[in-house]
Amino acid sequence: MNALIKAFYHESTSTISYVVYDRQGGHAAIIDSVLDFAENSGKLWTAFADEQIAFVRDNDLTVDWILETHAHADHLSAAYYLRRQLNSKIGVGEGITKVQKTFKLIFNVDDAELAANGDVFDHLFQDNESFQIGALQGQVLMTPGHTNDSVTYLIEGNAFVGDTLFMPDSGTARCDFPGGDAGVLYDSVNRLHQLPPETRLWMCHDYQPGGRELAYETTVAESFRTNIHIHDGTEKAAFIAVRENRDKTLDVPRLLYPSVQVNIRGGQMPAAESNEQAYIKIPLSVSTSLK
């Protein structure tokens, strides 16, 4: 069965989120949702997610799944909000527990607030696990390397790759976050490039290099032929060198700290403190002269 796909572009984070559904009046999944967030003020709102809810209701859809390809470091997930609005289940790869354990230490989160066992999500997918979206058949492919928990959702010839791949002129995701590994990413991209060549690859981000128009869909054949970081004939050692050298030049993502703190909680905010106010932490790197 052919999947119907509606893409939504979140301009401020260059994120593409998808509603995938079997038919009007049928069943759907929302992939890689986004909360609106102003980092200068801490203001959070739901305009983008509400656009997706409006689409769901206009098409009389039942949303079975809110799917996360990984715990994103560049936008805050709207998964928890959407789950409450749509009575859906949040799914993520089982590697999320590794990410939770890593960032619990970085942000000094205690066990009472976050157990790091994935229980803030409704389902932890295993490699090659199958799932249904109404009449649509889905399969989960573990594609780590960018993060420990990165997965690809393969739905009726469509692969939603998260940050594992970008459009061919943008290459691949960085691997310098905790748990990232360029060699592992090479293997994951090769796994995707071994899918049938006509498989459609749907990106989670597009940064429009050179000012080109927004693009977020390609094919396995095109990516395998022209991806600037890893294509037909690219050796593993060469890819690792290119990826690691490029990562050394990259700044910390603008929304890294707020995003990860929310996303490892399945889109929920950190627990409010004694004044009933929730806060985002930023670990400080203090020079010797200031100590």
C-alpha atoms as a PDB file:
ATOM      1  CA  MET A   1       0.000   0.000   0.000  1.00  0.00           C
ATOM      2  CA  ASN A   2       1.261   3.497  -0.781  1.00  0.00           C
ATOM      3  CA  ALA A   3       1.792   5.752   2.220  1.00  0.00           C
ATOM      4  CA  LEU A   4       0.443   9.302   2.097  1.00  0.00           C
ATOM      5  CA  ILE A   5       2.947  11.848   3.413  1.00  0.00           C
ATOM      6  CA  LYS A   6       2.482  15.457   4.464  1.00  0.00           C
ATOM      7  CA  ALA A   7       5.654  17.400   5.274  1.00  0.00           C
ATOM      8  CA  PHE A   8       5.739  20.368   7.669  1.00  0.00           C
ATOM      9  CA  TYR A   9       8.756  22.695   7.700  1.00  0.00           C
ATOM     10  CA  HIS A  10       9.789  24.407  10.956  1.00  0.00           C
ATOM     11  CA  GLU A  11      11.783  27.352   9.675  1.00  0.00           C
ATOM     12  CA  SER A  12      13.545  28.469  12.848  1.00  0.00           C
ATOM     13  CA  THR A  13      15.173  25.042  13.359  1.00  0.00           C
ATOM     14  CA  SER A  14      15.272  23.901   9.704  1.00  0.00           C
ATOM     15  CA  THR A  15      13.370  20.785  10.771  1.00  0.00           C
ATOM     16  CA  ILE A  16      10.991  18.776   8.615  1.00  0.00           C
ATOM     17  CA  SER A  17       8.324  16.825  10.484  1.00  0.00           C
ATOM     18  CA  TYR A  18       5.954  14.408   8.801  1.00  0.00           C
ATOM     19  CA  VAL A  19       2.429  13.109   9.086  1.00  0.00           C
ATOM     20  CA  VAL A  20       2.348   9.667   7.468  1.00  0.00           C
ATOM     21  CA  TYR A  21      -1.079   8.116   6.940  1.00  0.00           C
ATOM     22  CA  ASP A  22      -2.838   5.323   5.098  1.00  0.00           C
ATOM     23  CA  ARG A  23      -5.915   7.194   3.854  1.00  0.00           C
ATOM     24  CA  GLN A  24      -8.227  10.050   4.682  1.00  0.00           C
ATOM     25  CA  GLY A  25     -10.254   8.928   7.654  1.00  0.00           C
ATOM     26  CA  GLY A  26      -7.616   6.337   8.461  1.00  0.00           C
ATOM     27  CA  HIS A  27      -4.566   6.008  10.692  1.00  0.00           C
ATOM     28  CA  ALA A  28      -1.402   8.099  10.959  1.00  0.00           C
ATOM     29  CA  ALA A  29       1.953   8.652  12.617  1.00  0.00           C
ATOM     30  CA  ILE A  30       3.726  11.935  13.306  1.00  0.00           C
ATOM     31  CA  ILE A  31       7.509  11.746  12.900  1.00  0.00           C
ATOM     32  CA  ASP A  32      10.001  14.125  14.570  1.00  0.00           C
ATOM     33  CA  SER A  33       7.623  16.727  15.971  1.00  0.00           C
ATOM     34  CA  VAL A  34       8.700  20.210  17.109  1.00  0.00           C
ATOM     35  CA  LEU A  35       7.816  22.633  19.900  1.00  0.00           C
ATOM     36  CA  ASP A  36       8.243  26.337  19.246  1.00  0.00           C
ATOM     37  CA  PHE A  37      10.885  27.784  21.568  1.00  0.00           C
ATOM     38  CA  ALA A  38      12.493  31.205  22.013  1.00  0.00           C
ATOM     39  CA  GLU A  39      15.861  30.651  23.663  1.00  0.00           C
ATOM     40  CA  ASN A  40      16.312  34.326  24.542  1.00  0.00           C
ATOM     41  CA  SER A  41      13.202  34.330  26.757  1.00  0.00           C
ATOM     42  CA  GLY A  42      12.472  30.675  27.514  1.00  0.00           C
ATOM     43  CA  LYS A  43       9.032  31.041  25.934  1.00  0.00           C
ATOM     44  CA  LEU A  44       7.454  27.795  24.686  1.00  0.00           C
ATOM     45  CA  TRP A  45       4.417  27.517  22.480  1.00  0.00           C
ATOM     46  CA  THR A  46       2.709  24.997  20.176  1.00  0.00           C
ATOM     47  CA  ALA A  47       1.826  26.769  16.914  1.00  0.00           C
ATOM     48  CA  PHE A  48       3.760  24.308  14.739  1.00  0.00           C
ATOM     49  CA  ALA A  49       2.397  21.218  16.478  1.00  0.00           C
ATOM     50  CA  ASP A  50      -1.088  22.705  16.302  1.00  0.00           C
ATOM     51  CA  GLU A  51      -0.763  22.929  12.500  1.00  0.00           C
ATOM     52  CA  GLN A  52      -0.199  19.186  12.470  1.00  0.00           C
ATOM     53  CA  ILE A  53      -3.124  18.591  14.809  1.00  0.00           C
ATOM     54  CA  ALA A  54      -5.327  20.678  12.493  1.00  0.00           C
ATOM     55  CA  PHE A  55      -4.214  18.573   9.509  1.00  0.00           C
ATOM     56  CA  VAL A  56      -4.960  15.386  11.442  1.00  0.00           C
ATOM     57  CA  ARG A  57      -8.436  16.584  12.358  1.00  0.00           C
ATOM     58  CA  ASP A  58      -9.196  17.987   8.911  1.00  0.00           C
ATOM     59  CA  ASN A  59      -8.437  14.551   7.455  1.00  0.00           C
ATOM     60  CA  ASP A  60     -10.228  12.645  10.225  1.00  0.00           C
ATOM     61  CA  LEU A  61      -7.075  10.721  11.147  1.00  0.00           C
ATOM     62  CA  THR A  62      -6.384   8.568  14.191  1.00  0.00           C
ATOM     63  CA  VAL A  63      -2.746   9.054  15.188  1.00  0.00           C
ATOM     64  CA  ASP A  64      -1.382   5.730  16.376  1.00  0.00           C
ATOM     65  CA  TRP A  65       2.234   6.814  16.870  1.00  0.00           C
ATOM     66  CA  ILE A  66       4.349   9.831  17.699  1.00  0.00           C
ATOM     67  CA  LEU A  67       7.725   8.613  16.426  1.00  0.00           C
ATOM     68  CA  GLU A  68      11.142  10.003  17.318  1.00  0.00           C
ATOM     69  CA  THR A  69      14.163   9.118  15.172  1.00  0.00           C
ATOM     70  CA  HIS A  70      16.435  10.073  18.112  1.00  0.00           C
ATOM     71  CA  ALA A  71      16.788  12.538  20.978  1.00  0.00           C
ATOM     72  CA  HIS A  72      17.385  15.618  18.867  1.00  0.00           C
ATOM     73  CA  ALA A  73      19.958  18.251  19.770  1.00  0.00           C
ATOM     74  CA  ASP A  74      18.560  21.049  17.622  1.00  0.00           C
ATOM     75  CA  HIS A  75      14.871  21.297  18.425  1.00  0.00           C
ATOM     76  CA  LEU A  76      12.511  20.505  21.281  1.00  0.00           C
ATOM     77  CA  SER A  77      10.134  17.630  20.707  1.00  0.00           C
ATOM     78  CA  ALA A  78       6.378  18.184  20.842  1.00  0.00           C
ATOM     79  CA  ALA A  79       5.820  14.458  21.439  1.00  0.00           C
ATOM     80  CA  TYR A  80       4.396  14.783  24.935  1.00  0.00           C
ATOM     81  CA  TYR A  81       2.042  17.591  23.914  1.00  0.00           C
ATOM     82  CA  LEU A  82       0.848  15.670  20.855  1.00  0.00           C
ATOM     83  CA  ARG A  83       0.341  12.495  22.875  1.00  0.00           C
ATOM     84  CA  ARG A  84      -1.962  14.346  25.261  1.00  0.00           C
ATOM     85  CA  GLN A  85      -3.881  16.027  22.442  1.00  0.00           C
ATOM     86  CA  LEU A  86      -4.219  12.958  20.216  1.00  0.00           C
ATOM     87  CA  ASN A  87      -4.135  10.044  22.685  1.00  0.00           C
ATOM     88  CA  SER A  88      -1.207   8.469  20.827  1.00  0.00           C
ATOM     89  CA  LYS A  89       1.835   6.402  21.802  1.00  0.00           C
ATOM     90  CA  ILE A  90       5.385   7.781  21.709  1.00  0.00           C
ATOM     91  CA  GLY A  91       7.931   5.437  20.141  1.00  0.00           C
ATOM     92  CA  VAL A  92      11.728   5.721  20.035  1.00  0.00           C
ATOM     93  CA  GLY A  93      14.685   3.381  19.564  1.00  0.00           C
ATOM     94  CA  GLU A  94      15.827   1.354  22.564  1.00  0.00           C
ATOM     95  CA  GLY A  95      19.190   3.143  22.446  1.00  0.00           C
ATOM     96  CA  ILE A  96      17.493   6.087  24.153  1.00  0.00           C
ATOM     97  CA  THR A  97      18.428   4.562  27.512  1.00  0.00           C
ATOM     98  CA  LYS A  98      22.129   5.040  26.700  1.00  0.00           C
ATOM     99  CA  VAL A  99      21.472   8.664  25.772  1.00  0.00           C
ATOM    100  CA  GLN A 100      19.491   9.226  28.961  1.00  0.00           C
ATOM    101  CA  LYS A 101      22.269   7.771  31.099  1.00  0.00           C
ATOM    102  CA  THR A 102      24.887   9.942  29.397  1.00  0.00           C
ATOM    103  CA  PHE A 103      23.005  13.218  29.710  1.00  0.00           C
ATOM    104  CA  LYS A 104      21.719  12.512  33.219  1.00  0.00           C
ATOM    105  CA  LEU A 105      25.347  12.788  34.303  1.00  0.00           C
ATOM    106  CA  ILE A 106      26.000  15.898  32.226  1.00  0.00           C
ATOM    107  CA  PHE A 107      22.956  17.705  33.648  1.00  0.00           C
ATOM    108  CA  ASN A 108      23.128  16.134  37.121  1.00  0.00           C
ATOM    109  CA  VAL A 109      19.573  14.761  36.967  1.00  0.00           C
ATOM    110  CA  ASP A 110      18.682  12.511  39.881  1.00  0.00           C
ATOM    111  CA  ASP A 111      17.068   9.088  39.606  1.00  0.00           C
ATOM    112  CA  ALA A 112      13.815  10.266  41.149  1.00  0.00           C
ATOM    113  CA  GLU A 113      13.220  12.584  38.206  1.00  0.00           C
ATOM    114  CA  LEU A 114      14.517  10.423  35.368  1.00  0.00           C
ATOM    115  CA  ALA A 115      15.167   6.705  35.714  1.00  0.00           C
ATOM    116  CA  ALA A 116      17.065   6.414  32.389  1.00  0.00           C
ATOM    117  CA  ASN A 117      15.194   3.228  31.520  1.00  0.00           C
ATOM    118  CA  GLY A 118      13.074   4.722  28.741  1.00  0.00           C
ATOM    119  CA  ASP A 119       9.872   4.653  30.775  1.00  0.00           C
ATOM    120  CA  VAL A 120       8.935   8.233  29.783  1.00  0.00           C
ATOM    121  CA  PHE A 121       8.281   6.787  26.307  1.00  0.00           C
ATOM    122  CA  ASP A 122       5.467   4.379  25.517  1.00  0.00           C
ATOM    123  CA  HIS A 123       7.510   1.970  23.421  1.00  0.00           C
ATOM    124  CA  LEU A 124      11.202   1.292  22.826  1.00  0.00           C
ATOM    125  CA  PHE A 125      11.761  -0.202  19.395  1.00  0.00           C
ATOM    126  CA  GLN A 126      14.293  -2.934  18.720  1.00  0.00           C
ATOM    127  CA  ASP A 127      16.203  -3.429  15.484  1.00  0.00           C
ATOM    128  CA  ASN A 128      14.052  -4.848  12.660  1.00  0.00           C
ATOM    129  CA  GLU A 129      10.900  -4.594  14.772  1.00  0.00           C
ATOM    130  CA  SER A 130       7.684  -4.229  12.791  1.00  0.00           C
ATOM    131  CA  PHE A 131       4.771  -1.940  13.594  1.00  0.00           C
ATOM    132  CA  GLN A 132       1.492  -0.881  12.009  1.00  0.00           C
ATOM    133  CA  ILE A 133      -0.013   2.466  11.071  1.00  0.00           C
ATOM    134  CA  GLY A 134      -3.481   1.329  10.126  1.00  0.00           C
ATOM    135  CA  ALA A 135      -2.996  -0.530   6.833  1.00  0.00           C
ATOM    136  CA  LEU A 136       0.639   0.589   6.541  1.00  0.00           C
ATOM    137  CA  GLN A 137       3.488  -1.723   7.497  1.00  0.00           C
ATOM    138  CA  GLY A 138       6.503  -0.169   9.233  1.00  0.00           C
ATOM    139  CA  GLN A 139       9.914  -1.506  10.159  1.00  0.00           C
ATOM    140  CA  VAL A 140      12.558  -0.032  12.463  1.00  0.00           C
ATOM    141  CA  LEU A 141      16.197  -0.011  11.376  1.00  0.00           C
ATOM    142  CA  MET A 142      18.842   0.882  13.930  1.00  0.00           C
ATOM    143  CA  THR A 143      21.092   3.508  12.313  1.00  0.00           C
ATOM    144  CA  PRO A 144      23.372   4.822  15.097  1.00  0.00           C
ATOM    145  CA  GLY A 145      26.511   6.888  14.694  1.00  0.00           C
ATOM    146  CA  HIS A 146      25.118  10.405  14.995  1.00  0.00           C
ATOM    147  CA  THR A 147      23.713   9.301  18.363  1.00  0.00           C
ATOM    148  CA  ASN A 148      23.358   5.976  20.171  1.00  0.00           C
ATOM    149  CA  ASP A 149      19.598   5.946  19.712  1.00  0.00           C
ATOM    150  CA  SER A 150      19.261   6.917  16.037  1.00  0.00           C
ATOM    151  CA  VAL A 151      16.761   4.842  14.076  1.00  0.00           C
ATOM    152  CA  THR A 152      15.197   4.933  10.629  1.00  0.00           C
ATOM    153  CA  TYR A 153      11.498   4.224  10.142  1.00  0.00           C
ATOM    154  CA  LEU A 154      10.910   2.296   6.912  1.00  0.00           C
ATOM    155  CA  ILE A 155       7.258   2.601   5.897  1.00  0.00           C
ATOM    156  CA  GLU A 156       6.092   1.126   2.580  1.00  0.00           C
ATOM    157  CA  GLY A 157       9.205   2.121   0.604  1.00  0.00           C
ATOM    158  CA  ASN A 158       9.764   5.376   2.475  1.00  0.00           C
ATOM    159  CA  ALA A 159      12.698   5.746   4.890  1.00  0.00           C
ATOM    160  CA  PHE A 160      12.515   8.513   7.500  1.00  0.00           C
ATOM    161  CA  VAL A 161      16.203   8.793   8.330  1.00  0.00           C
ATOM    162  CA  GLY A 162      16.344  11.434  11.070  1.00  0.00           C
ATOM    163  CA  ASP A 163      19.805  13.023  11.080  1.00  0.00           C
ATOM    164  CA  THR A 164      21.672   9.972   9.770  1.00  0.00           C
ATOM    165  CA  LEU A 165      21.633  11.392   6.240  1.00  0.00           C
ATOM    166  CA  PHE A 166      21.033  14.817   4.757  1.00  0.00           C
ATOM    167  CA  MET A 167      20.295  15.719   1.165  1.00  0.00           C
ATOM    168  CA  PRO A 168      23.200  14.574  -1.057  1.00  0.00           C
ATOM    169  CA  ASP A 169      24.695  18.087  -1.277  1.00  0.00           C
ATOM    170  CA  SER A 170      24.821  18.278   2.552  1.00  0.00           C
ATOM    171  CA  GLY A 171      26.264  14.848   3.343  1.00  0.00           C
ATOM    172  CA  THR A 172      25.767  13.262   6.748  1.00  0.00           C
ATOM    173  CA  ALA A 173      25.188  14.201  10.373  1.00  0.00           C
ATOM    174  CA  ARG A 174      27.926  15.122  12.821  1.00  0.00           C
ATOM    175  CA  CYS A 175      29.316  12.456  15.143  1.00  0.00           C
ATOM    176  CA  ASP A 176      30.934  14.480  17.928  1.00  0.00           C
ATOM    177  CA  PHE A 177      28.088  14.320  20.438  1.00  0.00           C
ATOM    178  CA  PRO A 178      28.447  11.906  23.384  1.00  0.00           C
ATOM    179  CA  GLY A 179      27.903   8.424  21.982  1.00  0.00           C
ATOM    180  CA  GLY A 180      28.567   9.497  18.404  1.00  0.00           C
ATOM    181  CA  ASP A 181      30.964   7.522  16.224  1.00  0.00           C
ATOM    182  CA  ALA A 182      31.895   8.199  12.595  1.00  0.00           C
ATOM    183  CA  GLY A 183      32.755   4.553  11.913  1.00  0.00           C
ATOM    184  CA  VAL A 184      29.374   3.438  13.223  1.00  0.00           C
ATOM    185  CA  LEU A 185      27.655   6.105  11.112  1.00  0.00           C
ATOM    186  CA  TYR A 186      29.465   4.807   8.011  1.00  0.00           C
ATOM    187  CA  ASP A 187      28.001   1.356   8.643  1.00  0.00           C
ATOM    188  CA  SER A 188      24.535   2.821   9.233  1.00  0.00           C
ATOM    189  CA  VAL A 189      24.576   4.825   5.996  1.00  0.00           C
ATOM    190  CA  ASN A 190      25.738   1.744   4.114  1.00  0.00           C
ATOM    191  CA  ARG A 191      22.770  -0.099   5.582  1.00  0.00           C
ATOM    192  CA  LEU A 192      20.465   2.557   4.172  1.00  0.00           C
ATOM    193  CA  HIS A 193      22.274   2.562   0.821  1.00  0.00           C
ATOM    194  CA  GLN A 194      21.602  -1.184   0.555  1.00  0.00           C
ATOM    195  CA  LEU A 195      17.845  -0.625   0.554  1.00  0.00           C
ATOM    196  CA  PRO A 196      16.139  -0.905  -2.860  1.00  0.00           C
ATOM    197  CA  PRO A 197      17.408   1.995  -5.023  1.00  0.00           C
ATOM    198  CA  GLU A 198      13.917   3.410  -5.520  1.00  0.00           C
ATOM    199  CA  THR A 199      13.368   3.766  -1.747  1.00  0.00           C
ATOM    200  CA  ARG A 200      12.494   7.358  -0.925  1.00  0.00           C
ATOM    201  CA  LEU A 201      14.639   8.974   1.774  1.00  0.00           C
ATOM    202  CA  TRP A 202      12.958  11.682   3.843  1.00  0.00           C
ATOM    203  CA  MET A 203      15.227  14.088   5.726  1.00  0.00           C
ATOM    204  CA  CYS A 204      14.676  15.588   9.170  1.00  0.00           C
ATOM    205  CA  HIS A 205      16.662  18.743   8.360  1.00  0.00           C
ATOM    206  CA  ASP A 206      17.663  20.819   5.369  1.00  0.00           C
ATOM    207  CA  TYR A 207      20.000  23.784   5.775  1.00  0.00           C
ATOM    208  CA  GLN A 208      19.729  24.877   2.117  1.00  0.00           C
ATOM    209  CA  PRO A 209      23.460  25.067   1.263  1.00  0.00           C
ATOM    210  CA  GLY A 210      24.343  27.863  -1.129  1.00  0.00           C
ATOM    211  CA  GLY A 211      20.885  29.331  -0.669  1.00  0.00           C
ATOM    212  CA  ARG A 212      19.166  26.664  -2.769  1.00  0.00           C
ATOM    213  CA  GLU A 213      15.470  25.988  -2.345  1.00  0.00           C
ATOM    214  CA  LEU A 214      14.259  23.766   0.475  1.00  0.00           C
ATOM    215  CA  ALA A 215      14.621  20.058  -0.316  1.00  0.00           C
ATOM    216  CA  TYR A 216      13.931  17.101   1.948  1.00  0.00           C
ATOM    217  CA  GLU A 217      13.351  14.041  -0.262  1.00  0.00           C
ATOM    218  CA  THR A 218      15.756  11.993  -2.347  1.00  0.00           C
ATOM    219  CA  THR A 219      16.208   8.313  -3.211  1.00  0.00           C
ATOM    220  CA  VAL A 220      18.654   5.641  -2.160  1.00  0.00           C
ATOM    221  CA  ALA A 221      20.003   5.581  -5.710  1.00  0.00           C
ATOM    222  CA  GLU A 222      20.650   9.327  -5.754  1.00  0.00           C
ATOM    223  CA  SER A 223      22.192   9.391  -2.284  1.00  0.00           C
ATOM    224  CA  PHE A 224      24.422   6.406  -3.083  1.00  0.00           C
ATOM    225  CA  ARG A 225      25.558   8.091  -6.284  1.00  0.00           C
ATOM    226  CA  THR A 226      26.097  11.705  -5.176  1.00  0.00           C
ATOM    227  CA  ASN A 227      26.206  12.135  -1.372  1.00  0.00           C
ATOM    228  CA  ILE A 228      29.193  14.399  -0.768  1.00  0.00           C
ATOM    229  CA  HIS A 229      30.404  12.526   2.322  1.00  0.00           C
ATOM    230  CA  ILE A 230      29.632   8.896   1.546  1.00  0.00           C
ATOM    231  CA  HIS A 231      28.834   7.517  -1.895  1.00  0.00           C
ATOM    232  CA  ASP A 232      29.650   4.546  -4.087  1.00  0.00           C
ATOM    233  CA  GLY A 233      33.319   3.777  -3.575  1.00  0.00           C
ATOM    234  CA  THR A 234      33.866   5.785  -0.378  1.00  0.00           C
ATOM    235  CA  GLU A 235      36.186   3.862   1.926  1.00  0.00           C
ATOM    236  CA  LYS A 236      35.445   3.754   5.641  1.00  0.00           C
ATOM    237  CA  ALA A 237      38.754   5.314   6.696  1.00  0.00           C
ATOM    238  CA  ALA A 238      38.278   8.171   4.231  1.00  0.00           C
ATOM    239  CA  PHE A 239      34.776   8.870   5.501  1.00  0.00           C
ATOM    240  CA  ILE A 240      35.905   8.839   9.125  1.00  0.00           C
ATOM    241  CA  ALA A 241      38.675  11.328   8.332  1.00  0.00           C
ATOM    242  CA  VAL A 242      36.312  13.686   6.480  1.00  0.00           C
ATOM    243  CA  ARG A 243      33.615  13.449   9.137  1.00  0.00           C
ATOM    244  CA  GLU A 244      35.921  13.906  12.124  1.00  0.00           C
ATOM    245  CA  ASN A 245      37.802  16.807  10.512  1.00  0.00           C
ATOM    246  CA  ARG A 246      34.547  18.562   9.700  1.00  0.00           C
ATOM    247  CA  ASP A 247      33.147  17.963  13.185  1.00  0.00           C
ATOM    248  CA  LYS A 248      36.139  19.769  14.694  1.00  0.00           C
ATOM    249  CA  THR A 249      35.022  22.944  12.925  1.00  0.00           C
ATOM    250  CA  LEU A 250      31.388  22.830  14.093  1.00  0.00           C
ATOM    251  CA  ASP A 251      30.050  24.916  16.936  1.00  0.00           C
ATOM    252  CA  VAL A 252      27.691  23.539  19.585  1.00  0.00           C
ATOM    253  CA  PRO A 253      24.136  23.569  18.172  1.00  0.00           C
ATOM    254  CA  ARG A 254      22.193  26.650  19.208  1.00  0.00           C
ATOM    255  CA  LEU A 255      19.513  24.651  21.023  1.00  0.00           C
ATOM    256  CA  LEU A 256      21.605  21.719  22.244  1.00  0.00           C
ATOM    257  CA  TYR A 257      21.087  22.187  25.983  1.00  0.00           C
ATOM    258  CA  PRO A 258      17.352  22.913  26.030  1.00  0.00           C
ATOM    259  CA  SER A 259      16.642  20.310  23.346  1.00  0.00           C
ATOM    260  CA  VAL A 260      18.410  17.382  24.958  1.00  0.00           C
ATOM    261  CA  GLN A 261      17.009  18.090  28.422  1.00  0.00           C
ATOM    262  CA  VAL A 262      13.461  18.012  27.061  1.00  0.00           C
ATOM    263  CA  ASN A 263      13.923  15.254  24.498  1.00  0.00           C
ATOM    264  CA  ILE A 264      15.411  12.640  26.834  1.00  0.00           C
ATOM    265  CA  ARG A 265      12.201  13.155  28.840  1.00  0.00           C
ATOM    266  CA  GLY A 266      10.012  12.343  25.838  1.00  0.00           C
ATOM    267  CA  GLY A 267       9.072  15.980  25.292  1.00  0.00           C
ATOM    268  CA  GLN A 268       8.293  16.739  28.924  1.00  0.00           C
ATOM    269  CA  MET A 269       9.829  19.705  30.718  1.00  0.00           C
ATOM    270  CA  PRO A 270      12.336  19.266  33.563  1.00  0.00           C
ATOM    271  CA  ALA A 271      10.660  18.988  36.934  1.00  0.00           C
ATOM    272  CA  ALA A 272       9.610  22.280  38.482  1.00  0.00           C
ATOM    273  CA  GLU A 273      11.651  23.447  41.440  1.00  0.00           C
ATOM    274  CA  SER A 274      10.370  24.627  44.839  1.00  0.00           C
ATOM    275  CA  ASN A 275       9.039  27.858  43.306  1.00  0.00           C
ATOM    276  CA  GLU A 276       6.964  25.826  40.790  1.00  0.00           C
ATOM    277  CA  GLN A 277       9.177  27.057  37.937  1.00  0.00           C
ATOM    278  CA  ALA A 278      10.998  24.682  35.555  1.00  0.00           C
ATOM    279  CA  TYR A 279      14.513  25.546  34.376  1.00  0.00           C
ATOM    280  CA  ILE A 280      16.936  24.554  31.636  1.00  0.00           C
ATOM    281  CA  LYS A 281      20.512  23.986  32.824  1.00  0.00           C
ATOM    282  CA  ILE A 282      23.652  25.033  30.951  1.00  0.00           C
ATOM    283  CA  PRO A 283      26.856  23.356  32.134  1.00  0.00           C
ATOM    284  CA  LEU A 284      29.561  25.995  32.542  1.00  0.00           C
ATOM    285  CA  SER A 285      33.127  25.622  31.360  1.00  0.00           C
ATOM    286  CA  VAL A 286      34.915  27.956  33.740  1.00  0.00           C
ATOM    287  CA  SER A 287      38.421  29.192  32.974  1.00  0.00           C
ATOM    288  CA  THR A 288      41.085  28.882  35.659  1.00  0.00           C
ATOM    289  CA  SER A 289      41.210  32.643  36.100  1.00  0.00           C
ATOM    290  CA  LEU A 290      37.555  32.718  37.202  1.00  0.00           C
ATOM    291  CA  LYS A 291      37.823  29.943  39.770  1.00  0.00           C
END
